[in-house]
Amino acid sequence: MSERLFSYGTLQQDEVQQASFGRLLKGAPDALVGWKQEMVEITDPDVLAKSGKRFHPIVMQGDAQDRVLGMVFEITAEELAAADRYEVSDYKRVSAKLASGLTAWVYVKA
């Protein structure tokens, strides 16, 4: 069974996908409605090495008109577990409805 994962940040990067999943993911543009985005500083050396970025986007509940653009990917349960290992403790994984009507996992502010 496949899972859906919505990414608005570094999980969209080819190098992060290769390092985390061993492949490039296939995805489609979508949006998270009712959420807003800011930046968080990452200190985890493994995440810094994979992403090459010190500041990563993070989302939190916003107003009804707020939207965060990103990609929705079809992944396996094993890849979802790998994504859980990649994300630092600033994030938690929740299920959210996307603009397309699909429901997907998304990492939000913990």
N, C-alpha and C. Protein backbone atom coordinates (compact mmCIF):
# COMPACT_ATOMS: atom_id res chain seq x y z
N MET A 1 0.84 -1.19 0.00
CA MET A 1 0.00 0.00 0.00
C MET A 1 0.88 1.25 0.00
N SER A 2 0.51 2.21 -0.80
CA SER A 2 1.34 3.42 -0.86
C SER A 2 0.76 4.50 0.05
N GLU A 3 1.64 5.39 0.43
CA GLU A 3 1.29 6.53 1.27
C GLU A 3 1.45 7.80 0.43
N ARG A 4 0.79 8.87 0.84
CA ARG A 4 1.00 10.17 0.20
C ARG A 4 1.74 11.06 1.18
N LEU A 5 2.74 11.77 0.67
CA LEU A 5 3.51 12.70 1.48
C LEU A 5 3.53 14.04 0.78
N PHE A 6 3.10 15.09 1.49
CA PHE A 6 3.15 16.45 0.95
C PHE A 6 4.41 17.11 1.45
N SER A 7 5.21 17.64 0.53
CA SER A 7 6.43 18.35 0.90
C SER A 7 6.39 19.77 0.39
N TYR A 8 6.75 20.71 1.27
CA TYR A 8 6.87 22.13 0.91
C TYR A 8 8.31 22.59 1.06
N GLY A 9 9.20 21.65 1.39
CA GLY A 9 10.58 22.04 1.70
C GLY A 9 11.62 21.10 1.10
N THR A 10 12.60 20.74 1.93
CA THR A 10 13.79 20.04 1.42
C THR A 10 13.53 18.63 0.92
N LEU A 11 12.42 18.01 1.30
CA LEU A 11 12.12 16.68 0.75
C LEU A 11 11.78 16.74 -0.75
N GLN A 12 11.67 17.95 -1.30
CA GLN A 12 11.50 18.10 -2.75
C GLN A 12 12.85 18.08 -3.48
N GLN A 13 13.96 18.25 -2.73
CA GLN A 13 15.29 18.31 -3.35
C GLN A 13 15.75 16.92 -3.78
N ASP A 14 16.28 16.83 -5.02
CA ASP A 14 16.76 15.55 -5.54
C ASP A 14 17.77 14.90 -4.61
N GLU A 15 18.73 15.71 -4.09
CA GLU A 15 19.80 15.13 -3.26
C GLU A 15 19.25 14.59 -1.94
N VAL A 16 18.22 15.22 -1.39
CA VAL A 16 17.61 14.74 -0.14
C VAL A 16 16.83 13.45 -0.42
N GLN A 17 16.12 13.41 -1.56
CA GLN A 17 15.38 12.19 -1.92
C GLN A 17 16.34 11.02 -2.13
N GLN A 18 17.42 11.25 -2.85
CA GLN A 18 18.39 10.17 -3.09
C GLN A 18 18.98 9.67 -1.78
N ALA A 19 19.36 10.61 -0.89
CA ALA A 19 19.98 10.24 0.38
C ALA A 19 18.98 9.54 1.32
N SER A 20 17.72 9.96 1.29
CA SER A 20 16.72 9.43 2.21
C SER A 20 16.02 8.17 1.69
N PHE A 21 15.76 8.12 0.38
CA PHE A 21 14.94 7.05 -0.20
C PHE A 21 15.67 6.19 -1.22
N GLY A 22 16.85 6.64 -1.66
CA GLY A 22 17.60 5.90 -2.67
C GLY A 22 17.01 6.02 -4.06
N ARG A 23 16.11 6.97 -4.25
CA ARG A 23 15.50 7.19 -5.58
C ARG A 23 14.90 8.60 -5.60
N LEU A 24 14.56 9.05 -6.82
CA LEU A 24 13.83 10.29 -6.98
C LEU A 24 12.33 9.98 -6.95
N LEU A 25 11.58 10.77 -6.23
CA LEU A 25 10.13 10.55 -6.10
C LEU A 25 9.39 11.20 -7.26
N LYS A 26 8.27 10.61 -7.61
CA LYS A 26 7.37 11.20 -8.60
C LYS A 26 6.27 11.93 -7.84
N GLY A 27 6.00 13.17 -8.24
CA GLY A 27 5.01 13.94 -7.51
C GLY A 27 4.22 14.87 -8.40
N ALA A 28 3.26 15.52 -7.80
CA ALA A 28 2.41 16.49 -8.50
C ALA A 28 2.26 17.73 -7.62
N PRO A 29 2.20 18.91 -8.25
CA PRO A 29 2.00 20.14 -7.48
C PRO A 29 0.67 20.12 -6.72
N ASP A 30 0.68 20.65 -5.51
CA ASP A 30 -0.54 20.73 -4.71
C ASP A 30 -0.32 21.85 -3.69
N ALA A 31 -1.27 22.04 -2.80
CA ALA A 31 -1.14 23.08 -1.79
C ALA A 31 -1.82 22.65 -0.50
N LEU A 32 -1.27 23.13 0.60
CA LEU A 32 -1.81 22.91 1.93
C LEU A 32 -2.62 24.16 2.28
N VAL A 33 -3.91 24.01 2.52
CA VAL A 33 -4.81 25.14 2.74
C VAL A 33 -5.02 25.35 4.23
N GLY A 34 -4.96 26.62 4.68
CA GLY A 34 -5.19 26.93 6.09
C GLY A 34 -3.92 26.83 6.93
N TRP A 35 -2.78 26.78 6.26
CA TRP A 35 -1.48 26.72 6.93
C TRP A 35 -0.60 27.84 6.41
N LYS A 36 0.34 28.31 7.26
CA LYS A 36 1.29 29.34 6.86
C LYS A 36 2.70 28.82 7.13
N GLN A 37 3.67 29.42 6.45
CA GLN A 37 5.04 28.93 6.49
C GLN A 37 5.99 29.97 7.08
N GLU A 38 6.95 29.50 7.89
CA GLU A 38 8.07 30.34 8.31
C GLU A 38 9.33 29.47 8.23
N MET A 39 10.44 29.98 8.74
CA MET A 39 11.70 29.23 8.66
C MET A 39 12.15 28.81 10.06
N VAL A 40 12.85 27.67 10.12
CA VAL A 40 13.41 27.16 11.37
C VAL A 40 14.88 26.83 11.13
N GLU A 41 15.73 27.12 12.12
CA GLU A 41 17.15 26.79 11.98
C GLU A 41 17.37 25.33 12.34
N ILE A 42 18.09 24.62 11.46
CA ILE A 42 18.38 23.19 11.65
C ILE A 42 19.81 23.05 12.15
N THR A 43 20.00 22.24 13.20
CA THR A 43 21.34 22.01 13.75
C THR A 43 21.78 20.56 13.60
N ASP A 44 20.86 19.66 13.21
CA ASP A 44 21.20 18.24 13.06
C ASP A 44 22.21 18.06 11.92
N PRO A 45 23.42 17.52 12.22
CA PRO A 45 24.47 17.41 11.19
C PRO A 45 24.06 16.55 9.99
N ASP A 46 23.29 15.48 10.23
CA ASP A 46 22.87 14.59 9.14
C ASP A 46 21.93 15.32 8.18
N VAL A 47 20.98 16.07 8.73
CA VAL A 47 20.03 16.82 7.91
C VAL A 47 20.76 17.94 7.16
N LEU A 48 21.68 18.61 7.86
CA LEU A 48 22.47 19.67 7.20
C LEU A 48 23.26 19.11 6.03
N ALA A 49 23.85 17.92 6.22
CA ALA A 49 24.65 17.29 5.16
C ALA A 49 23.78 16.91 3.97
N LYS A 50 22.58 16.36 4.23
CA LYS A 50 21.69 15.93 3.15
C LYS A 50 21.09 17.11 2.39
N SER A 51 20.68 18.15 3.14
CA SER A 51 19.94 19.25 2.51
C SER A 51 20.86 20.37 2.03
N GLY A 52 22.01 20.54 2.69
CA GLY A 52 22.89 21.65 2.37
C GLY A 52 22.33 23.00 2.81
N LYS A 53 21.30 22.98 3.65
CA LYS A 53 20.64 24.23 4.07
C LYS A 53 20.53 24.29 5.59
N ARG A 54 20.86 25.46 6.15
CA ARG A 54 20.77 25.66 7.60
C ARG A 54 19.36 26.04 8.03
N PHE A 55 18.63 26.74 7.17
CA PHE A 55 17.26 27.13 7.50
C PHE A 55 16.29 26.38 6.60
N HIS A 56 15.30 25.75 7.22
CA HIS A 56 14.29 24.97 6.49
C HIS A 56 12.92 25.58 6.74
N PRO A 57 12.03 25.48 5.75
CA PRO A 57 10.66 25.94 5.98
C PRO A 57 9.94 25.03 6.97
N ILE A 58 9.01 25.61 7.71
CA ILE A 58 8.16 24.86 8.63
C ILE A 58 6.77 25.49 8.57
N VAL A 59 5.73 24.70 8.72
CA VAL A 59 4.36 25.24 8.64
C VAL A 59 3.63 25.10 9.96
N MET A 60 2.69 26.02 10.17
CA MET A 60 1.81 25.98 11.34
C MET A 60 0.43 26.43 10.89
N GLN A 61 -0.58 26.13 11.71
CA GLN A 61 -1.96 26.53 11.38
C GLN A 61 -2.01 28.01 11.11
N GLY A 62 -2.73 28.37 10.06
CA GLY A 62 -2.91 29.76 9.71
C GLY A 62 -4.38 30.08 9.56
N ASP A 63 -4.67 31.06 8.72
CA ASP A 63 -6.05 31.44 8.44
C ASP A 63 -6.56 30.65 7.23
N ALA A 64 -7.86 30.66 7.03
CA ALA A 64 -8.49 29.91 5.95
C ALA A 64 -7.91 30.26 4.58
N GLN A 65 -7.49 31.52 4.38
CA GLN A 65 -6.98 31.94 3.07
C GLN A 65 -5.49 31.61 2.89
N ASP A 66 -4.79 31.19 3.96
CA ASP A 66 -3.37 30.85 3.84
C ASP A 66 -3.19 29.57 3.03
N ARG A 67 -2.11 29.56 2.22
CA ARG A 67 -1.79 28.39 1.39
C ARG A 67 -0.28 28.20 1.38
N VAL A 68 0.14 26.96 1.44
CA VAL A 68 1.55 26.62 1.30
C VAL A 68 1.67 25.72 0.08
N LEU A 69 2.43 26.16 -0.92
CA LEU A 69 2.61 25.40 -2.15
C LEU A 69 3.67 24.32 -1.95
N GLY A 70 3.49 23.21 -2.64
CA GLY A 70 4.47 22.12 -2.56
C GLY A 70 4.13 21.02 -3.53
N MET A 71 4.62 19.84 -3.21
CA MET A 71 4.42 18.66 -4.06
C MET A 71 3.86 17.53 -3.21
N VAL A 72 2.97 16.75 -3.82
CA VAL A 72 2.48 15.53 -3.14
C VAL A 72 3.13 14.34 -3.85
N PHE A 73 3.73 13.46 -3.04
CA PHE A 73 4.47 12.30 -3.56
C PHE A 73 3.81 11.01 -3.12
N GLU A 74 3.86 9.99 -3.98
CA GLU A 74 3.45 8.64 -3.61
C GLU A 74 4.70 7.93 -3.12
N ILE A 75 4.65 7.45 -1.86
CA ILE A 75 5.81 6.76 -1.29
C ILE A 75 5.36 5.47 -0.60
N THR A 76 6.32 4.63 -0.27
CA THR A 76 6.02 3.39 0.44
C THR A 76 6.03 3.65 1.95
N ALA A 77 5.52 2.70 2.72
CA ALA A 77 5.56 2.80 4.18
C ALA A 77 7.00 2.88 4.68
N GLU A 78 7.91 2.15 4.02
CA GLU A 78 9.33 2.18 4.40
C GLU A 78 9.91 3.57 4.14
N GLU A 79 9.53 4.19 3.03
CA GLU A 79 10.01 5.54 2.72
C GLU A 79 9.43 6.56 3.69
N LEU A 80 8.20 6.35 4.12
CA LEU A 80 7.60 7.24 5.12
C LEU A 80 8.41 7.14 6.43
N ALA A 81 8.81 5.95 6.81
CA ALA A 81 9.65 5.77 8.00
C ALA A 81 11.00 6.47 7.82
N ALA A 82 11.55 6.42 6.61
CA ALA A 82 12.82 7.12 6.32
C ALA A 82 12.63 8.63 6.42
N ALA A 83 11.48 9.13 5.97
CA ALA A 83 11.18 10.56 6.09
C ALA A 83 11.06 10.95 7.56
N ASP A 84 10.45 10.08 8.37
CA ASP A 84 10.35 10.34 9.82
C ASP A 84 11.75 10.46 10.43
N ARG A 85 12.68 9.62 9.99
CA ARG A 85 14.05 9.67 10.52
C ARG A 85 14.76 10.95 10.07
N TYR A 86 14.46 11.42 8.86
CA TYR A 86 15.09 12.63 8.32
C TYR A 86 14.65 13.88 9.08
N GLU A 87 13.37 13.97 9.39
CA GLU A 87 12.83 15.19 10.02
C GLU A 87 13.29 15.28 11.47
N VAL A 88 13.67 16.49 11.90
CA VAL A 88 14.15 16.71 13.26
C VAL A 88 12.97 16.94 14.20
N SER A 89 13.25 17.06 15.50
CA SER A 89 12.20 17.13 16.52
C SER A 89 11.36 18.42 16.45
N ASP A 90 11.79 19.41 15.64
CA ASP A 90 10.97 20.61 15.46
C ASP A 90 9.67 20.28 14.73
N TYR A 91 9.65 19.13 14.04
CA TYR A 91 8.52 18.74 13.20
C TYR A 91 7.77 17.55 13.79
N LYS A 92 6.47 17.49 13.50
CA LYS A 92 5.68 16.29 13.76
C LYS A 92 4.88 15.99 12.50
N ARG A 93 4.56 14.72 12.29
CA ARG A 93 3.83 14.31 11.08
C ARG A 93 2.34 14.24 11.39
N VAL A 94 1.54 14.91 10.55
CA VAL A 94 0.08 14.89 10.70
C VAL A 94 -0.54 14.60 9.33
N SER A 95 -1.77 14.15 9.36
CA SER A 95 -2.54 13.94 8.13
C SER A 95 -3.31 15.22 7.84
N ALA A 96 -3.25 15.67 6.58
CA ALA A 96 -3.92 16.93 6.22
C ALA A 96 -4.56 16.81 4.84
N LYS A 97 -5.65 17.54 4.66
CA LYS A 97 -6.33 17.59 3.37
C LYS A 97 -5.68 18.67 2.51
N LEU A 98 -5.42 18.34 1.26
CA LEU A 98 -4.77 19.27 0.33
C LEU A 98 -5.79 19.96 -0.55
N ALA A 99 -5.36 21.00 -1.26
CA ALA A 99 -6.24 21.76 -2.14
C ALA A 99 -6.89 20.86 -3.19
N SER A 100 -6.16 19.81 -3.62
CA SER A 100 -6.68 18.89 -4.64
C SER A 100 -7.79 17.99 -4.12
N GLY A 101 -7.95 17.95 -2.78
CA GLY A 101 -8.92 17.03 -2.17
C GLY A 101 -8.26 15.78 -1.63
N LEU A 102 -7.00 15.53 -2.03
CA LEU A 102 -6.26 14.38 -1.51
C LEU A 102 -5.91 14.60 -0.04
N THR A 103 -5.74 13.51 0.69
CA THR A 103 -5.23 13.57 2.05
C THR A 103 -3.81 13.03 2.02
N ALA A 104 -2.90 13.71 2.71
CA ALA A 104 -1.49 13.30 2.70
C ALA A 104 -0.87 13.56 4.06
N TRP A 105 0.23 12.86 4.33
CA TRP A 105 1.05 13.16 5.50
C TRP A 105 1.82 14.44 5.22
N VAL A 106 2.00 15.25 6.25
CA VAL A 106 2.79 16.47 6.13
C VAL A 106 3.49 16.72 7.46
N TYR A 107 4.70 17.23 7.40
CA TYR A 107 5.46 17.57 8.60
C TYR A 107 5.19 19.02 8.95
N VAL A 108 4.68 19.25 10.17
CA VAL A 108 4.31 20.58 10.64
C VAL A 108 5.07 20.90 11.92
N LYS A 109 4.95 22.13 12.36
CA LYS A 109 5.65 22.56 13.59
C LYS A 109 5.15 21.73 14.77
N ALA A 110 6.09 21.16 15.52
CA ALA A 110 5.75 20.30 16.66
C ALA A 110 5.27 21.13 17.84
